[in-house]
Amino acid sequence: MEKSRNTLLVTWDNTEMSENALLHALRIAKHVNNEIRMVHIVDHSGSDEQLDEIKTEFQKQVEERSRKYDFDFQGIVLTGSIFKVIASYANDSDALMVIMGTHGIKGVQKVTGSWALKVIVGSTVPFLVIQDKPPTEARFSSIVFPIDFRAENKEKLQWAIYLGKYFDSKVYLFKAPVKDKGLKKKVNINLTFAVKFLIQNNLDYEIHTAQKSSHLARETIEFAKEKKADLILITTTKNISIADYVLGAAEQQIIANTSKIPVMCVNPRAAVIHMGQFMWGARSY
């Protein structure tokens, strides 16, 4: 039997960025009634006594935030590299999603690749990557959903519906323009599939088409900015390679968008909520 997943994991390092991630978690939990667990990761090679001190200090931070926001936060300290530990823990725990702050792509990361993308790849639960505190405590009123020819588009659709039903969101389907007949057919199949389930779930939507397929990531960001989107929902590159990190995968550009729009990243074949669990349910308010 599949474990119940209702917990939002927030990566925590006692910085402004992790505080912003916590605020985003509270924004979601207010509508979805989630548990929130702050996760502090230590690349620890010291003594057990030192680790105990870290855990004690972290627990104080958890309790301080619980009082500050009047919410009963959980907390856990994990040891190891964040590039491996957080995804592994999320996979094996009761996590619904991971919420993580990032400063985008700066300095040496322009050469070595996106730090955030390296953390995300390998997770079986989606990551919500944020760069700023939420502008409001209100719902996600608009979600931008890029659609291309990949079959993985269907995997992130369940998350558009999940969020759309809880937040009564409008979904903007942003279609990639393609000239190749075979690819065009695949794009249209994905679009038809998305529209079908959005209609069946009574979710409002619009269809828009990008101008140039070679600049889809850039156009997606500009479109999301134009629509004042609360969220961009993407699928990460399947079997991502070192070349993608160095040259910049399309999702890497979206994650680090200068408009600081939150981005939910779903890994291929990594969805943990089956459509049947919520596709036909009533909306929650």
Protein backbone atom coordinates (compact mmCIF):
# COMPACT_ATOMS: atom_id res chain seq x y z
CA MET A 1 0.00 0.00 0.00
CA GLU A 2 1.36 3.42 -0.96
CA LYS A 3 2.20 5.69 1.97
CA SER A 4 0.13 8.80 2.59
CA ARG A 5 1.92 11.90 1.32
CA ASN A 6 0.73 15.11 2.91
CA THR A 7 3.94 16.74 4.18
CA LEU A 8 5.68 19.75 2.68
CA LEU A 9 9.45 19.53 3.14
CA VAL A 10 11.24 22.88 3.44
CA THR A 11 15.03 22.94 3.08
CA TRP A 12 16.33 25.05 5.97
CA ASP A 13 19.67 26.76 6.62
CA ASN A 14 18.44 29.68 8.75
CA THR A 15 18.79 32.20 5.90
CA GLU A 16 16.34 34.66 4.40
CA MET A 17 15.90 32.35 1.43
CA SER A 18 14.88 29.39 3.58
CA GLU A 19 12.55 31.68 5.52
CA ASN A 20 10.94 32.61 2.19
CA ALA A 21 10.55 28.92 1.37
CA LEU A 22 8.82 28.43 4.72
CA LEU A 23 6.39 31.24 3.91
CA HIS A 24 5.54 29.54 0.61
CA ALA A 25 4.88 26.30 2.49
CA LEU A 26 2.54 28.13 4.84
CA ARG A 27 0.75 29.64 1.85
CA ILE A 28 0.07 26.15 0.48
CA ALA A 29 -0.72 24.49 3.82
CA LYS A 30 -3.33 27.16 4.53
CA HIS A 31 -5.38 25.85 1.61
CA VAL A 32 -4.41 22.17 1.46
CA ASN A 33 -4.07 21.40 5.19
CA ASN A 34 -0.54 19.97 4.95
CA GLU A 35 2.03 19.17 7.58
CA ILE A 36 5.27 21.15 7.22
CA ARG A 37 8.68 19.67 8.05
CA MET A 38 11.80 21.83 8.11
CA VAL A 39 14.81 19.84 6.86
CA HIS A 40 18.33 20.90 7.85
CA ILE A 41 21.11 19.10 5.99
CA VAL A 42 24.60 18.93 7.45
CA ASP A 43 27.64 17.70 5.55
CA HIS A 44 28.89 16.39 8.87
CA SER A 45 32.25 14.80 9.60
CA GLY A 46 32.64 15.84 13.23
CA SER A 47 31.85 14.13 16.52
CA ASP A 48 28.49 12.92 17.76
CA GLU A 49 28.58 15.69 20.35
CA GLN A 50 28.90 18.33 17.64
CA LEU A 51 26.00 16.81 15.74
CA ASP A 52 23.88 16.83 18.90
CA GLU A 53 24.64 20.53 19.33
CA ILE A 54 23.53 21.20 15.77
CA LYS A 55 20.29 19.30 16.34
CA THR A 56 19.62 21.19 19.58
CA GLU A 57 20.15 24.58 17.92
CA PHE A 58 18.01 23.58 14.96
CA GLN A 59 15.19 22.46 17.22
CA LYS A 60 15.24 25.92 18.82
CA GLN A 61 14.83 27.45 15.36
CA VAL A 62 11.88 25.13 14.63
CA GLU A 63 10.20 26.09 17.90
CA GLU A 64 10.84 29.80 17.31
CA ARG A 65 9.20 29.61 13.87
CA SER A 66 6.28 27.63 15.29
CA ARG A 67 5.59 30.43 17.77
CA LYS A 68 6.18 33.16 15.20
CA TYR A 69 3.78 31.76 12.60
CA ASP A 70 1.39 29.97 14.97
CA PHE A 71 1.96 26.68 13.16
CA ASP A 72 3.21 23.39 14.57
CA PHE A 73 6.30 22.78 12.42
CA GLN A 74 8.22 19.52 12.47
CA GLY A 75 11.99 19.40 12.11
CA ILE A 76 14.66 16.89 11.12
CA VAL A 77 18.43 17.02 10.66
CA LEU A 78 19.96 14.89 7.90
CA THR A 79 23.66 14.29 7.26
CA GLY A 80 25.32 14.09 3.87
CA SER A 81 25.40 16.03 0.61
CA ILE A 82 22.29 18.04 -0.23
CA PHE A 83 22.69 16.87 -3.85
CA LYS A 84 21.76 13.36 -2.73
CA VAL A 85 20.20 13.47 0.72
CA ILE A 86 17.13 15.65 0.20
CA ALA A 87 15.86 13.74 -2.85
CA SER A 88 16.50 10.40 -1.16
CA TYR A 89 14.70 11.45 2.01
CA ALA A 90 11.78 12.91 0.05
CA ASN A 91 11.42 9.68 -1.92
CA ASP A 92 11.25 7.51 1.19
CA SER A 93 9.23 9.79 3.46
CA ASP A 94 5.66 11.08 3.51
CA ALA A 95 6.61 14.12 1.43
CA LEU A 96 4.13 15.60 -1.03
CA MET A 97 6.69 18.07 -2.36
CA VAL A 98 9.93 19.82 -1.46
CA ILE A 99 10.05 23.61 -1.25
CA MET A 100 13.51 25.05 -1.74
CA GLY A 101 14.91 28.55 -2.07
CA THR A 102 17.57 29.44 -4.60
CA HIS A 103 19.39 32.60 -5.67
CA GLY A 104 19.18 31.51 -9.30
CA ILE A 105 22.33 31.15 -11.40
CA LYS A 106 25.16 33.37 -10.26
CA GLY A 107 28.92 33.49 -10.62
CA VAL A 108 30.59 30.13 -11.09
CA GLN A 109 27.20 28.42 -11.44
CA LYS A 110 26.98 29.87 -14.93
CA VAL A 111 29.80 27.47 -15.78
CA THR A 112 29.06 24.46 -13.61
CA GLY A 113 25.32 24.47 -13.98
CA SER A 114 22.29 25.16 -11.82
CA TRP A 115 22.72 24.21 -8.18
CA ALA A 116 18.98 23.84 -7.81
CA LEU A 117 18.64 21.54 -10.82
CA LYS A 118 21.35 19.21 -9.47
CA VAL A 119 19.40 18.86 -6.21
CA ILE A 120 16.09 18.24 -7.95
CA VAL A 121 17.14 15.51 -10.39
CA GLY A 122 16.49 12.07 -8.93
CA SER A 123 13.56 13.05 -6.72
CA THR A 124 10.28 11.17 -7.05
CA VAL A 125 8.36 14.11 -5.60
CA PRO A 126 8.18 17.54 -7.23
CA PHE A 127 10.28 20.49 -6.10
CA LEU A 128 8.83 23.96 -5.76
CA VAL A 129 11.78 26.30 -6.32
CA ILE A 130 11.38 29.87 -5.10
CA GLN A 131 13.57 32.97 -5.26
CA ASP A 132 11.56 35.38 -3.13
CA LYS A 133 8.89 35.47 -0.45
CA PRO A 134 5.30 35.04 -1.66
CA PRO A 135 3.76 38.34 -2.76
CA THR A 136 0.53 37.42 -1.00
CA GLU A 137 -1.01 34.72 1.17
CA ALA A 138 -3.76 34.27 -1.41
CA ARG A 139 -4.15 31.25 -3.66
CA PHE A 140 -2.18 30.40 -6.80
CA SER A 141 -4.61 32.11 -9.17
CA SER A 142 -2.66 31.45 -12.38
CA ILE A 143 -0.43 28.56 -13.48
CA VAL A 144 1.61 28.53 -16.69
CA PHE A 145 1.88 25.04 -18.19
CA PRO A 146 4.34 24.75 -21.13
CA ILE A 147 3.42 21.96 -23.56
CA ASP A 148 5.83 20.35 -26.03
CA PHE A 149 6.07 16.98 -27.79
CA ARG A 150 7.38 14.95 -24.83
CA ALA A 151 5.22 12.23 -23.28
CA GLU A 152 6.27 13.48 -19.82
CA ASN A 153 3.89 16.41 -20.22
CA LYS A 154 1.13 14.10 -19.00
CA GLU A 155 2.97 13.49 -15.72
CA LYS A 156 2.94 17.12 -14.66
CA LEU A 157 -0.71 17.50 -15.69
CA GLN A 158 -1.84 15.79 -12.50
CA TRP A 159 -0.09 18.51 -10.51
CA ALA A 160 -1.79 21.26 -12.51
CA ILE A 161 -5.11 19.64 -11.67
CA TYR A 162 -4.17 18.98 -8.05
CA LEU A 163 -3.18 22.61 -7.46
CA GLY A 164 -5.94 23.93 -9.68
CA LYS A 165 -8.64 22.13 -7.71
CA TYR A 166 -7.34 23.28 -4.33
CA PHE A 167 -6.59 26.86 -5.36
CA ASP A 168 -9.23 27.33 -8.06
CA SER A 169 -6.43 28.31 -10.43
CA LYS A 170 -6.58 29.23 -14.09
CA VAL A 171 -4.20 27.16 -16.21
CA TYR A 172 -2.44 28.80 -19.16
CA LEU A 173 -1.40 26.13 -21.66
CA PHE A 174 1.65 27.48 -23.50
CA LYS A 175 2.16 25.45 -26.64
CA ALA A 176 5.49 24.97 -28.41
CA PRO A 177 5.38 25.87 -32.13
CA VAL A 178 6.78 23.07 -34.28
CA LYS A 179 6.91 22.56 -38.06
CA ASP A 180 7.84 18.87 -38.18
CA LYS A 181 4.62 16.92 -38.79
CA GLY A 182 5.52 14.11 -36.42
CA LEU A 183 6.42 16.42 -33.54
CA LYS A 184 3.44 18.66 -34.25
CA LYS A 185 1.15 15.64 -33.91
CA LYS A 186 2.70 14.77 -30.53
CA VAL A 187 2.30 18.34 -29.28
CA ASN A 188 -1.36 18.34 -30.30
CA ILE A 189 -1.96 14.97 -28.63
CA ASN A 190 -0.51 16.34 -25.37
CA LEU A 191 -2.60 19.50 -25.72
CA THR A 192 -5.80 17.54 -26.35
CA PHE A 193 -5.08 15.29 -23.38
CA ALA A 194 -4.52 18.30 -21.10
CA VAL A 195 -7.64 20.11 -22.26
CA LYS A 196 -9.76 16.98 -21.79
CA PHE A 197 -8.82 16.58 -18.13
CA LEU A 198 -8.96 20.29 -17.35
CA ILE A 199 -12.53 20.38 -18.69
CA GLN A 200 -13.51 17.24 -16.78
CA ASN A 201 -12.24 18.87 -13.60
CA ASN A 202 -14.00 22.18 -14.29
CA LEU A 203 -10.76 24.13 -14.38
CA ASP A 204 -10.53 27.36 -16.35
CA TYR A 205 -7.84 27.43 -19.03
CA GLU A 206 -6.50 29.31 -22.04
CA ILE A 207 -4.35 28.09 -24.93
CA HIS A 208 -1.48 30.22 -26.24
CA THR A 209 1.28 29.43 -28.74
CA ALA A 210 4.91 30.53 -28.50
CA GLN A 211 6.55 32.22 -31.47
CA LYS A 212 9.84 30.30 -31.70
CA SER A 213 10.46 26.76 -30.51
CA SER A 214 14.19 27.48 -30.20
CA HIS A 215 13.48 30.09 -27.51
CA LEU A 216 10.64 28.31 -25.69
CA ALA A 217 12.16 28.73 -22.21
CA ARG A 218 12.68 32.46 -22.71
CA GLU A 219 9.21 32.92 -24.17
CA THR A 220 7.67 30.91 -21.35
CA ILE A 221 9.20 33.26 -18.80
CA GLU A 222 8.04 36.35 -20.69
CA PHE A 223 4.55 34.87 -21.06
CA ALA A 224 4.38 34.03 -17.35
CA LYS A 225 5.46 37.56 -16.51
CA GLU A 226 2.79 38.99 -18.82
CA LYS A 227 0.08 36.87 -17.19
CA LYS A 228 1.39 37.66 -13.69
CA ALA A 229 1.63 33.94 -13.08
CA ASP A 230 1.93 32.58 -9.55
CA LEU A 231 3.62 29.41 -10.77
CA ILE A 232 5.34 27.84 -13.78
CA LEU A 233 4.93 24.06 -13.95
CA ILE A 234 7.66 22.19 -15.84
CA THR A 235 9.05 18.70 -16.38
CA THR A 236 12.80 18.27 -16.04
CA THR A 237 14.92 16.81 -18.84
CA LYS A 238 14.86 13.02 -18.92
CA ASN A 239 18.31 11.47 -18.35
CA ILE A 240 19.89 14.89 -17.82
CA SER A 241 23.63 14.94 -18.46
CA ILE A 242 26.69 16.93 -17.46
CA ALA A 243 26.36 18.75 -20.79
CA ASP A 244 22.92 19.97 -19.75
CA TYR A 245 24.35 21.42 -16.54
CA VAL A 246 27.21 23.15 -18.34
CA LEU A 247 25.32 24.40 -21.40
CA GLY A 248 22.10 25.09 -19.57
CA ALA A 249 19.03 22.89 -19.89
CA ALA A 250 15.84 24.76 -20.75
CA GLU A 251 14.36 24.20 -17.30
CA GLN A 252 17.52 25.62 -15.75
CA GLN A 253 16.73 28.95 -17.42
CA ILE A 254 13.14 28.83 -16.19
CA ILE A 255 14.11 27.94 -12.62
CA ALA A 256 16.46 30.93 -12.46
CA ASN A 257 14.04 33.36 -14.14
CA THR A 258 14.76 37.01 -13.33
CA SER A 259 11.08 37.68 -12.62
CA LYS A 260 11.47 35.33 -9.63
CA ILE A 261 8.29 33.42 -10.44
CA PRO A 262 8.07 30.15 -8.43
CA VAL A 263 8.69 27.02 -10.52
CA MET A 264 7.42 23.53 -9.79
CA CYS A 265 9.68 20.85 -11.26
CA VAL A 266 8.39 17.34 -11.89
CA ASN A 267 10.92 14.67 -12.84
CA PRO A 268 10.05 12.18 -15.60
CA ARG A 269 8.31 9.05 -14.33
CA ALA A 270 8.49 10.43 -10.82
CA ALA A 271 4.90 11.33 -10.00
CA VAL A 272 3.67 10.09 -6.61
CA ILE A 273 0.03 11.09 -6.75
CA HIS A 274 -2.15 8.99 -9.00
CA MET A 275 -4.75 10.90 -10.99
CA GLY A 276 -7.51 8.73 -9.62
CA GLN A 277 -6.90 10.09 -6.13
CA PHE A 278 -8.12 13.58 -6.96
CA MET A 279 -9.06 13.86 -10.62
CA TRP A 280 -12.75 13.40 -9.94
CA GLY A 281 -13.01 14.88 -6.45
CA ALA A 282 -14.74 18.06 -5.48
CA ARG A 283 -12.77 21.23 -5.07
CA SER A 284 -11.59 22.21 -1.62
CA TYR A 285 -11.90 25.78 -0.38
